[in-house]
Amino acid sequence: MLVSASKIIYGYRGGSISILSDGFHSLFDGLSNVAGILGIYVSIQPPDEGHPYGHRKYETIFALFVSMLLFVSCLEILKGSYRSLRGSLEPEVGKGAFFLMGSTILINLFVTLYEKRRGRELRSEYLMADATHTLADVYISSGVVAALVLCRLGFAIADGLVGIGVGVLVVGAGIGVLKETVGTLVDKRRLPYGLVRRIVCDVEGVKGCHGIRTRGTKDHIFMDLHILVDPALSVDQAHRIADNVEMYIRQRLPEVRDVVVHIEPRDGEHG
């Protein structure tokens, strides 16, 4: 928040739309991080009577919120850049501007690397989304530095042009996060049908498999499927095969957290 406030104040005083836009973008980052912490806290709560599948989608909802903030940031950047291009205001570029933006880039690079590492370790959808968001900040700040250099050389129009370029980069980052989060919320298939079918059919006693459905986040998948077994088997024997299928799936696909196996006699209708 301190960094964003510094950029906003400097942007207003120095008349630099690129620094000002970057400051507002950083402010949105701070707010989204607060939302993300709340999302992770809620998502790790164990299943309860009202939420038998757990609370993982709360984290996805907060990740979606992050992508919305990206688009809001982009709109502000593009609006400010357009005003800059139409006006005659020349930004004041001093050593303080370069120091401020250089510090911002170093801080955001560190945060990006840390969030990506922890996101992979924890399999956190939010942390990976925010790492993408923070990396977009690095691009933004780098573009601002480039604009400052050009302005210092007498090309005042660079302030607005770089702002537009940065806005396009932010849109791309937002679309990437949006696609992933929406996929989770609409129960997009998480595992290839053929992959699961091959794994299941490797289990002894399974004569066929169909009706495979997967959903959830990439690291927390729910699955249900139907297996075909010899109709001459007893209920106990068929149930043991189903248990073996569940165990084998969990061994081969550790991201699968829950498997429901339906047993059907092989009657020639399914293969």
C-alpha atoms as a PDB file:
ATOM      1  CA  MET A   1       0.000   0.000   0.000  1.00  0.00           C
ATOM      2  CA  LEU A   2       2.911   2.363   0.780  1.00  0.00           C
ATOM      3  CA  VAL A   3       4.422   1.778  -2.674  1.00  0.00           C
ATOM      4  CA  SER A   4       1.105   2.388  -4.433  1.00  0.00           C
ATOM      5  CA  ALA A   5       0.479   5.567  -2.414  1.00  0.00           C
ATOM      6  CA  SER A   6       3.967   6.843  -3.298  1.00  0.00           C
ATOM      7  CA  LYS A   7       3.367   6.269  -7.010  1.00  0.00           C
ATOM      8  CA  ILE A   8      -0.059   7.911  -6.945  1.00  0.00           C
ATOM      9  CA  ILE A   9       1.275  10.991  -5.144  1.00  0.00           C
ATOM     10  CA  TYR A  10       4.305  11.244  -7.434  1.00  0.00           C
ATOM     11  CA  GLY A  11       2.144  10.719 -10.517  1.00  0.00           C
ATOM     12  CA  TYR A  12      -0.204  13.554  -9.550  1.00  0.00           C
ATOM     13  CA  ARG A  13       2.586  15.944  -8.642  1.00  0.00           C
ATOM     14  CA  GLY A  14       4.781  15.112 -11.624  1.00  0.00           C
ATOM     15  CA  GLY A  15       1.964  14.910 -14.148  1.00  0.00           C
ATOM     16  CA  SER A  16       2.981  11.412 -15.299  1.00  0.00           C
ATOM     17  CA  ILE A  17      -0.024   9.337 -16.353  1.00  0.00           C
ATOM     18  CA  SER A  18       2.125   6.212 -16.572  1.00  0.00           C
ATOM     19  CA  ILE A  19       3.282   6.468 -12.943  1.00  0.00           C
ATOM     20  CA  LEU A  20      -0.198   7.467 -11.790  1.00  0.00           C
ATOM     21  CA  SER A  21      -1.800   4.501 -13.596  1.00  0.00           C
ATOM     22  CA  ASP A  22       0.799   2.162 -12.161  1.00  0.00           C
ATOM     23  CA  GLY A  23       0.034   3.523  -8.705  1.00  0.00           C
ATOM     24  CA  PHE A  24      -3.685   2.823  -9.028  1.00  0.00           C
ATOM     25  CA  HIS A  25      -2.900  -0.616 -10.384  1.00  0.00           C
ATOM     26  CA  SER A  26      -0.713  -1.316  -7.339  1.00  0.00           C
ATOM     27  CA  LEU A  27      -3.536  -0.140  -5.095  1.00  0.00           C
ATOM     28  CA  PHE A  28      -5.867  -2.697  -6.680  1.00  0.00           C
ATOM     29  CA  ASP A  29      -3.155  -5.310  -6.118  1.00  0.00           C
ATOM     30  CA  GLY A  30      -3.110  -4.597  -2.409  1.00  0.00           C
ATOM     31  CA  LEU A  31      -6.869  -4.896  -2.159  1.00  0.00           C
ATOM     32  CA  SER A  32      -6.870  -8.139  -4.164  1.00  0.00           C
ATOM     33  CA  ASN A  33      -4.187  -9.616  -1.891  1.00  0.00           C
ATOM     34  CA  VAL A  34      -6.378  -8.978   1.133  1.00  0.00           C
ATOM     35  CA  ALA A  35      -9.251 -10.694  -0.682  1.00  0.00           C
ATOM     36  CA  GLY A  36      -6.957 -13.587  -1.620  1.00  0.00           C
ATOM     37  CA  ILE A  37      -5.853 -14.215   1.957  1.00  0.00           C
ATOM     38  CA  LEU A  38      -9.490 -14.406   2.988  1.00  0.00           C
ATOM     39  CA  GLY A  39     -10.206 -16.769   0.084  1.00  0.00           C
ATOM     40  CA  ILE A  40      -7.395 -19.173   1.008  1.00  0.00           C
ATOM     41  CA  TYR A  41      -8.461 -19.165   4.664  1.00  0.00           C
ATOM     42  CA  VAL A  42     -12.035 -20.066   3.755  1.00  0.00           C
ATOM     43  CA  SER A  43     -11.048 -22.673   1.143  1.00  0.00           C
ATOM     44  CA  ILE A  44      -8.926 -24.776   3.541  1.00  0.00           C
ATOM     45  CA  GLN A  45     -11.787 -25.256   5.974  1.00  0.00           C
ATOM     46  CA  PRO A  46     -12.842 -28.935   6.125  1.00  0.00           C
ATOM     47  CA  PRO A  47     -16.139 -30.141   4.609  1.00  0.00           C
ATOM     48  CA  ASP A  48     -19.194 -29.654   6.776  1.00  0.00           C
ATOM     49  CA  GLU A  49     -22.892 -30.497   6.662  1.00  0.00           C
ATOM     50  CA  GLY A  50     -23.695 -27.518   4.471  1.00  0.00           C
ATOM     51  CA  HIS A  51     -20.643 -27.973   2.213  1.00  0.00           C
ATOM     52  CA  PRO A  52     -20.018 -31.726   1.836  1.00  0.00           C
ATOM     53  CA  TYR A  53     -17.598 -31.148  -1.065  1.00  0.00           C
ATOM     54  CA  GLY A  54     -15.527 -28.672   0.936  1.00  0.00           C
ATOM     55  CA  HIS A  55     -14.923 -24.966   0.375  1.00  0.00           C
ATOM     56  CA  ARG A  56     -12.311 -24.976  -2.393  1.00  0.00           C
ATOM     57  CA  LYS A  57     -14.418 -22.958  -4.826  1.00  0.00           C
ATOM     58  CA  TYR A  58     -14.302 -19.983  -2.497  1.00  0.00           C
ATOM     59  CA  GLU A  59     -10.640 -19.615  -3.438  1.00  0.00           C
ATOM     60  CA  THR A  60     -11.646 -19.793  -7.103  1.00  0.00           C
ATOM     61  CA  ILE A  61     -14.211 -17.045  -6.566  1.00  0.00           C
ATOM     62  CA  PHE A  62     -11.548 -14.823  -5.033  1.00  0.00           C
ATOM     63  CA  ALA A  63      -9.215 -15.629  -7.957  1.00  0.00           C
ATOM     64  CA  LEU A  64     -12.036 -14.510 -10.263  1.00  0.00           C
ATOM     65  CA  PHE A  65     -12.200 -11.299  -8.257  1.00  0.00           C
ATOM     66  CA  VAL A  66      -8.494 -10.766  -8.947  1.00  0.00           C
ATOM     67  CA  SER A  67      -9.089 -11.079 -12.696  1.00  0.00           C
ATOM     68  CA  MET A  68     -11.909  -8.526 -12.470  1.00  0.00           C
ATOM     69  CA  LEU A  69      -9.532  -6.116 -10.739  1.00  0.00           C
ATOM     70  CA  LEU A  70      -7.079  -6.617 -13.590  1.00  0.00           C
ATOM     71  CA  PHE A  71      -9.720  -5.484 -16.076  1.00  0.00           C
ATOM     72  CA  VAL A  72     -10.657  -2.493 -13.909  1.00  0.00           C
ATOM     73  CA  SER A  73      -6.980  -1.544 -13.709  1.00  0.00           C
ATOM     74  CA  CYS A  74      -6.679  -1.826 -17.479  1.00  0.00           C
ATOM     75  CA  LEU A  75      -9.668   0.454 -18.032  1.00  0.00           C
ATOM     76  CA  GLU A  76      -8.162   3.123 -15.789  1.00  0.00           C
ATOM     77  CA  ILE A  77      -4.791   2.848 -17.528  1.00  0.00           C
ATOM     78  CA  LEU A  78      -6.301   3.174 -21.013  1.00  0.00           C
ATOM     79  CA  LYS A  79      -8.494   6.121 -20.006  1.00  0.00           C
ATOM     80  CA  GLY A  80      -5.536   7.949 -18.485  1.00  0.00           C
ATOM     81  CA  SER A  81      -3.350   7.200 -21.492  1.00  0.00           C
ATOM     82  CA  TYR A  82      -5.969   8.543 -23.878  1.00  0.00           C
ATOM     83  CA  ARG A  83      -6.228  11.777 -21.901  1.00  0.00           C
ATOM     84  CA  SER A  84      -2.439  12.045 -21.891  1.00  0.00           C
ATOM     85  CA  LEU A  85      -2.244  11.651 -25.674  1.00  0.00           C
ATOM     86  CA  ARG A  86      -4.880  14.325 -26.234  1.00  0.00           C
ATOM     87  CA  GLY A  87      -3.349  16.815 -23.812  1.00  0.00           C
ATOM     88  CA  SER A  88      -0.227  18.919 -23.911  1.00  0.00           C
ATOM     89  CA  LEU A  89       0.958  18.161 -20.385  1.00  0.00           C
ATOM     90  CA  GLU A  90       4.575  17.097 -20.185  1.00  0.00           C
ATOM     91  CA  PRO A  91       5.437  14.937 -17.179  1.00  0.00           C
ATOM     92  CA  GLU A  92       8.225  16.031 -14.862  1.00  0.00           C
ATOM     93  CA  VAL A  93      10.827  13.284 -14.807  1.00  0.00           C
ATOM     94  CA  GLY A  94      13.424  13.380 -12.038  1.00  0.00           C
ATOM     95  CA  LYS A  95      15.749  10.929 -10.314  1.00  0.00           C
ATOM     96  CA  GLY A  96      13.052  10.192  -7.765  1.00  0.00           C
ATOM     97  CA  ALA A  97      10.828   8.719 -10.478  1.00  0.00           C
ATOM     98  CA  PHE A  98      13.498   6.259 -11.592  1.00  0.00           C
ATOM     99  CA  PHE A  99      14.311   5.268  -8.008  1.00  0.00           C
ATOM    100  CA  LEU A 100      10.639   4.721  -7.210  1.00  0.00           C
ATOM    101  CA  MET A 101       9.962   2.591 -10.284  1.00  0.00           C
ATOM    102  CA  GLY A 102      13.207   0.613  -9.953  1.00  0.00           C
ATOM    103  CA  SER A 103      12.349  -0.289  -6.363  1.00  0.00           C
ATOM    104  CA  THR A 104       8.869  -1.340  -7.449  1.00  0.00           C
ATOM    105  CA  ILE A 105      10.230  -3.685 -10.128  1.00  0.00           C
ATOM    106  CA  LEU A 106      12.622  -5.410  -7.708  1.00  0.00           C
ATOM    107  CA  ILE A 107       9.924  -5.881  -5.069  1.00  0.00           C
ATOM    108  CA  ASN A 108       7.414  -7.286  -7.561  1.00  0.00           C
ATOM    109  CA  LEU A 109       9.961  -9.682  -9.070  1.00  0.00           C
ATOM    110  CA  PHE A 110      10.646 -11.103  -5.621  1.00  0.00           C
ATOM    111  CA  VAL A 111       6.924 -11.429  -4.865  1.00  0.00           C
ATOM    112  CA  THR A 112       6.255 -13.134  -8.233  1.00  0.00           C
ATOM    113  CA  LEU A 113       8.945 -15.770  -7.722  1.00  0.00           C
ATOM    114  CA  TYR A 114       7.818 -16.407  -4.145  1.00  0.00           C
ATOM    115  CA  GLU A 115       4.131 -16.730  -5.041  1.00  0.00           C
ATOM    116  CA  LYS A 116       4.858 -19.088  -7.947  1.00  0.00           C
ATOM    117  CA  ARG A 117       7.004 -21.329  -5.755  1.00  0.00           C
ATOM    118  CA  ARG A 118       4.486 -21.426  -2.912  1.00  0.00           C
ATOM    119  CA  GLY A 119       1.599 -21.760  -5.361  1.00  0.00           C
ATOM    120  CA  ARG A 120       3.126 -24.924  -6.844  1.00  0.00           C
ATOM    121  CA  GLU A 121       3.948 -26.316  -3.401  1.00  0.00           C
ATOM    122  CA  LEU A 122       0.466 -25.649  -2.008  1.00  0.00           C
ATOM    123  CA  ARG A 123      -1.316 -26.218  -5.343  1.00  0.00           C
ATOM    124  CA  SER A 124      -3.056 -22.908  -4.730  1.00  0.00           C
ATOM    125  CA  GLU A 125      -5.136 -21.544  -7.587  1.00  0.00           C
ATOM    126  CA  TYR A 126      -5.193 -18.105  -6.000  1.00  0.00           C
ATOM    127  CA  LEU A 127      -1.425 -17.845  -5.458  1.00  0.00           C
ATOM    128  CA  MET A 128      -0.742 -18.855  -9.070  1.00  0.00           C
ATOM    129  CA  ALA A 129      -3.300 -16.302 -10.278  1.00  0.00           C
ATOM    130  CA  ASP A 130      -1.796 -13.571  -8.140  1.00  0.00           C
ATOM    131  CA  ALA A 131       1.720 -14.474  -9.324  1.00  0.00           C
ATOM    132  CA  THR A 132       0.498 -13.828 -12.876  1.00  0.00           C
ATOM    133  CA  HIS A 133      -1.009 -10.574 -11.687  1.00  0.00           C
ATOM    134  CA  THR A 134       2.216  -9.495  -9.971  1.00  0.00           C
ATOM    135  CA  LEU A 135       4.278 -10.390 -13.046  1.00  0.00           C
ATOM    136  CA  ALA A 136       1.974  -8.113 -15.025  1.00  0.00           C
ATOM    137  CA  ASP A 137       2.973  -5.402 -12.552  1.00  0.00           C
ATOM    138  CA  VAL A 138       6.623  -5.944 -13.492  1.00  0.00           C
ATOM    139  CA  TYR A 139       5.752  -5.439 -17.168  1.00  0.00           C
ATOM    140  CA  ILE A 140       3.783  -2.336 -16.295  1.00  0.00           C
ATOM    141  CA  SER A 141       6.582  -0.821 -14.222  1.00  0.00           C
ATOM    142  CA  SER A 142       9.157  -1.659 -16.908  1.00  0.00           C
ATOM    143  CA  GLY A 143       6.982   0.088 -19.476  1.00  0.00           C
ATOM    144  CA  VAL A 144       6.723   3.091 -17.198  1.00  0.00           C
ATOM    145  CA  VAL A 145      10.523   3.267 -16.877  1.00  0.00           C
ATOM    146  CA  ALA A 146      10.811   3.147 -20.672  1.00  0.00           C
ATOM    147  CA  ALA A 147       8.284   5.976 -20.925  1.00  0.00           C
ATOM    148  CA  LEU A 148      10.196   8.038 -18.382  1.00  0.00           C
ATOM    149  CA  VAL A 149      13.430   7.618 -20.338  1.00  0.00           C
ATOM    150  CA  LEU A 150      11.738   8.732 -23.568  1.00  0.00           C
ATOM    151  CA  CYS A 151      10.078  11.655 -21.828  1.00  0.00           C
ATOM    152  CA  ARG A 152      13.449  12.680 -20.454  1.00  0.00           C
ATOM    153  CA  LEU A 153      14.721  12.689 -24.050  1.00  0.00           C
ATOM    154  CA  GLY A 154      11.894  14.975 -25.125  1.00  0.00           C
ATOM    155  CA  PHE A 155       9.273  12.485 -26.354  1.00  0.00           C
ATOM    156  CA  ALA A 156       6.408  13.397 -24.008  1.00  0.00           C
ATOM    157  CA  ILE A 157       3.939  11.373 -26.067  1.00  0.00           C
ATOM    158  CA  ALA A 158       5.680   8.202 -24.852  1.00  0.00           C
ATOM    159  CA  ASP A 159       3.926   8.541 -21.489  1.00  0.00           C
ATOM    160  CA  GLY A 160       0.521   7.889 -23.057  1.00  0.00           C
ATOM    161  CA  LEU A 161       1.716   5.375 -25.646  1.00  0.00           C
ATOM    162  CA  VAL A 162       3.418   3.180 -23.072  1.00  0.00           C
ATOM    163  CA  GLY A 163       0.292   3.383 -20.930  1.00  0.00           C
ATOM    164  CA  ILE A 164      -1.746   1.913 -23.799  1.00  0.00           C
ATOM    165  CA  GLY A 165       0.797  -0.866 -24.340  1.00  0.00           C
ATOM    166  CA  VAL A 166       0.735  -1.719 -20.659  1.00  0.00           C
ATOM    167  CA  GLY A 167      -3.056  -1.831 -20.744  1.00  0.00           C
ATOM    168  CA  VAL A 168      -2.961  -4.448 -23.497  1.00  0.00           C
ATOM    169  CA  LEU A 169      -0.574  -6.600 -21.439  1.00  0.00           C
ATOM    170  CA  VAL A 170      -2.874  -6.384 -18.430  1.00  0.00           C
ATOM    171  CA  VAL A 171      -5.842  -7.511 -20.536  1.00  0.00           C
ATOM    172  CA  GLY A 172      -3.904 -10.609 -21.597  1.00  0.00           C
ATOM    173  CA  ALA A 173      -3.061 -11.485 -17.997  1.00  0.00           C
ATOM    174  CA  GLY A 174      -6.675 -10.991 -16.943  1.00  0.00           C
ATOM    175  CA  ILE A 175      -8.010 -13.235 -19.713  1.00  0.00           C
ATOM    176  CA  GLY A 176      -5.640 -16.036 -18.673  1.00  0.00           C
ATOM    177  CA  VAL A 177      -6.775 -15.940 -15.046  1.00  0.00           C
ATOM    178  CA  LEU A 178     -10.425 -15.589 -16.079  1.00  0.00           C
ATOM    179  CA  LYS A 179     -10.334 -18.707 -18.290  1.00  0.00           C
ATOM    180  CA  GLU A 180      -8.921 -20.847 -15.489  1.00  0.00           C
ATOM    181  CA  THR A 181     -11.296 -19.666 -12.778  1.00  0.00           C
ATOM    182  CA  VAL A 182     -14.413 -19.849 -14.952  1.00  0.00           C
ATOM    183  CA  GLY A 183     -13.424 -23.386 -15.961  1.00  0.00           C
ATOM    184  CA  THR A 184     -13.500 -24.411 -12.311  1.00  0.00           C
ATOM    185  CA  LEU A 185     -16.795 -22.683 -11.549  1.00  0.00           C
ATOM    186  CA  VAL A 186     -18.624 -24.278 -14.503  1.00  0.00           C
ATOM    187  CA  ASP A 187     -17.239 -27.757 -13.678  1.00  0.00           C
ATOM    188  CA  LYS A 188     -14.942 -28.076 -16.674  1.00  0.00           C
ATOM    189  CA  ARG A 189     -13.573 -31.597 -17.239  1.00  0.00           C
ATOM    190  CA  ARG A 190     -10.284 -31.771 -15.357  1.00  0.00           C
ATOM    191  CA  LEU A 191      -8.802 -35.035 -16.659  1.00  0.00           C
ATOM    192  CA  PRO A 192      -8.790 -36.557 -20.162  1.00  0.00           C
ATOM    193  CA  TYR A 193     -11.443 -39.254 -20.555  1.00  0.00           C
ATOM    194  CA  GLY A 194      -9.039 -41.648 -22.276  1.00  0.00           C
ATOM    195  CA  LEU A 195      -6.377 -41.321 -19.566  1.00  0.00           C
ATOM    196  CA  VAL A 196      -8.778 -42.228 -16.777  1.00  0.00           C
ATOM    197  CA  ARG A 197     -10.283 -45.072 -18.795  1.00  0.00           C
ATOM    198  CA  ARG A 198      -6.852 -46.635 -19.416  1.00  0.00           C
ATOM    199  CA  ILE A 199      -5.952 -46.420 -15.741  1.00  0.00           C
ATOM    200  CA  VAL A 200      -9.229 -47.982 -14.630  1.00  0.00           C
ATOM    201  CA  CYS A 201      -9.118 -50.787 -17.190  1.00  0.00           C
ATOM    202  CA  ASP A 202      -5.656 -51.779 -15.920  1.00  0.00           C
ATOM    203  CA  VAL A 203      -7.248 -52.955 -12.666  1.00  0.00           C
ATOM    204  CA  GLU A 204      -7.794 -56.705 -12.518  1.00  0.00           C
ATOM    205  CA  GLY A 205     -11.441 -57.668 -12.814  1.00  0.00           C
ATOM    206  CA  VAL A 206     -12.558 -54.535 -14.663  1.00  0.00           C
ATOM    207  CA  LYS A 207     -14.178 -55.494 -17.979  1.00  0.00           C
ATOM    208  CA  GLY A 208     -14.978 -51.977 -19.117  1.00  0.00           C
ATOM    209  CA  CYS A 209     -15.431 -48.390 -18.016  1.00  0.00           C
ATOM    210  CA  HIS A 210     -17.732 -45.521 -19.015  1.00  0.00           C
ATOM    211  CA  GLY A 211     -19.530 -42.473 -17.649  1.00  0.00           C
ATOM    212  CA  ILE A 212     -16.300 -40.855 -16.416  1.00  0.00           C
ATOM    213  CA  ARG A 213     -16.825 -37.374 -14.983  1.00  0.00           C
ATOM    214  CA  THR A 214     -14.275 -35.100 -13.333  1.00  0.00           C
ATOM    215  CA  ARG A 215     -14.586 -31.608 -11.884  1.00  0.00           C
ATOM    216  CA  GLY A 216     -13.040 -29.286  -9.322  1.00  0.00           C
ATOM    217  CA  THR A 217      -9.752 -27.387  -9.250  1.00  0.00           C
ATOM    218  CA  LYS A 218      -6.548 -28.712 -10.810  1.00  0.00           C
ATOM    219  CA  ASP A 219      -5.237 -29.898  -7.454  1.00  0.00           C
ATOM    220  CA  HIS A 220      -8.538 -31.025  -5.898  1.00  0.00           C
ATOM    221  CA  ILE A 221     -10.533 -33.182  -8.315  1.00  0.00           C
ATOM    222  CA  PHE A 222     -13.791 -35.049  -7.738  1.00  0.00           C
ATOM    223  CA  MET A 223     -14.458 -38.056  -9.958  1.00  0.00           C
ATOM    224  CA  ASP A 224     -17.267 -40.516 -10.561  1.00  0.00           C
ATOM    225  CA  LEU A 225     -17.377 -43.361 -13.063  1.00  0.00           C
ATOM    226  CA  HIS A 226     -18.990 -46.693 -13.930  1.00  0.00           C
ATOM    227  CA  ILE A 227     -17.094 -49.972 -14.188  1.00  0.00           C
ATOM    228  CA  LEU A 228     -18.271 -53.206 -15.792  1.00  0.00           C
ATOM    229  CA  VAL A 229     -17.573 -56.489 -14.031  1.00  0.00           C
ATOM    230  CA  ASP A 230     -18.363 -60.151 -14.551  1.00  0.00           C
ATOM    231  CA  PRO A 231     -22.066 -60.617 -13.693  1.00  0.00           C
ATOM    232  CA  ALA A 232     -21.239 -63.946 -12.030  1.00  0.00           C
ATOM    233  CA  LEU A 233     -19.282 -62.197  -9.251  1.00  0.00           C
ATOM    234  CA  SER A 234     -20.742 -61.835  -5.787  1.00  0.00           C
ATOM    235  CA  VAL A 235     -21.512 -58.393  -4.385  1.00  0.00           C
ATOM    236  CA  ASP A 236     -18.491 -58.667  -2.095  1.00  0.00           C
ATOM    237  CA  GLN A 237     -16.145 -59.559  -4.972  1.00  0.00           C
ATOM    238  CA  ALA A 238     -17.444 -56.720  -7.145  1.00  0.00           C
ATOM    239  CA  HIS A 239     -17.078 -54.305  -4.255  1.00  0.00           C
ATOM    240  CA  ARG A 240     -13.432 -55.302  -3.755  1.00  0.00           C
ATOM    241  CA  ILE A 241     -12.750 -54.547  -7.423  1.00  0.00           C
ATOM    242  CA  ALA A 242     -14.340 -51.113  -6.978  1.00  0.00           C
ATOM    243  CA  ASP A 243     -12.125 -50.490  -3.935  1.00  0.00           C
ATOM    244  CA  ASN A 244      -9.070 -51.463  -5.983  1.00  0.00           C
ATOM    245  CA  VAL A 245     -10.119 -49.064  -8.742  1.00  0.00           C
ATOM    246  CA  GLU A 246     -10.411 -46.209  -6.258  1.00  0.00           C
ATOM    247  CA  MET A 247      -7.048 -47.009  -4.664  1.00  0.00           C
ATOM    248  CA  TYR A 248      -5.287 -47.310  -8.038  1.00  0.00           C
ATOM    249  CA  ILE A 249      -6.719 -44.001  -9.268  1.00  0.00           C
ATOM    250  CA  ARG A 250      -5.482 -42.239  -6.133  1.00  0.00           C
ATOM    251  CA  GLN A 251      -2.018 -43.739  -6.623  1.00  0.00           C
ATOM    252  CA  ARG A 252      -1.759 -42.729 -10.281  1.00  0.00           C
ATOM    253  CA  LEU A 253      -3.567 -39.390  -9.967  1.00  0.00           C
ATOM    254  CA  PRO A 254      -2.817 -37.830  -6.552  1.00  0.00           C
ATOM    255  CA  GLU A 255      -4.782 -34.700  -7.437  1.00  0.00           C
ATOM    256  CA  VAL A 256      -7.981 -36.782  -7.300  1.00  0.00           C
ATOM    257  CA  ARG A 257      -9.383 -36.369  -3.793  1.00  0.00           C
ATOM    258  CA  ASP A 258     -12.669 -38.250  -4.068  1.00  0.00           C
ATOM    259  CA  VAL A 259     -13.780 -41.122  -6.323  1.00  0.00           C
ATOM    260  CA  VAL A 260     -17.242 -42.653  -6.610  1.00  0.00           C
ATOM    261  CA  VAL A 261     -17.270 -45.989  -8.456  1.00  0.00           C
ATOM    262  CA  HIS A 262     -20.575 -47.403  -9.719  1.00  0.00           C
ATOM    263  CA  ILE A 263     -20.626 -51.146 -10.419  1.00  0.00           C
ATOM    264  CA  GLU A 264     -22.510 -52.623 -13.383  1.00  0.00           C
ATOM    265  CA  PRO A 265     -22.621 -56.171 -14.779  1.00  0.00           C
ATOM    266  CA  ARG A 266     -21.044 -56.517 -18.188  1.00  0.00           C
ATOM    267  CA  ASP A 267     -23.906 -57.129 -20.601  1.00  0.00           C
ATOM    268  CA  GLY A 268     -22.239 -56.264 -23.902  1.00  0.00           C
ATOM    269  CA  GLU A 269     -23.780 -52.785 -24.114  1.00  0.00           C
ATOM    270  CA  HIS A 270     -20.674 -50.980 -22.867  1.00  0.00           C
ATOM    271  CA  GLY A 271     -17.044 -51.717 -23.780  1.00  0.00           C
END
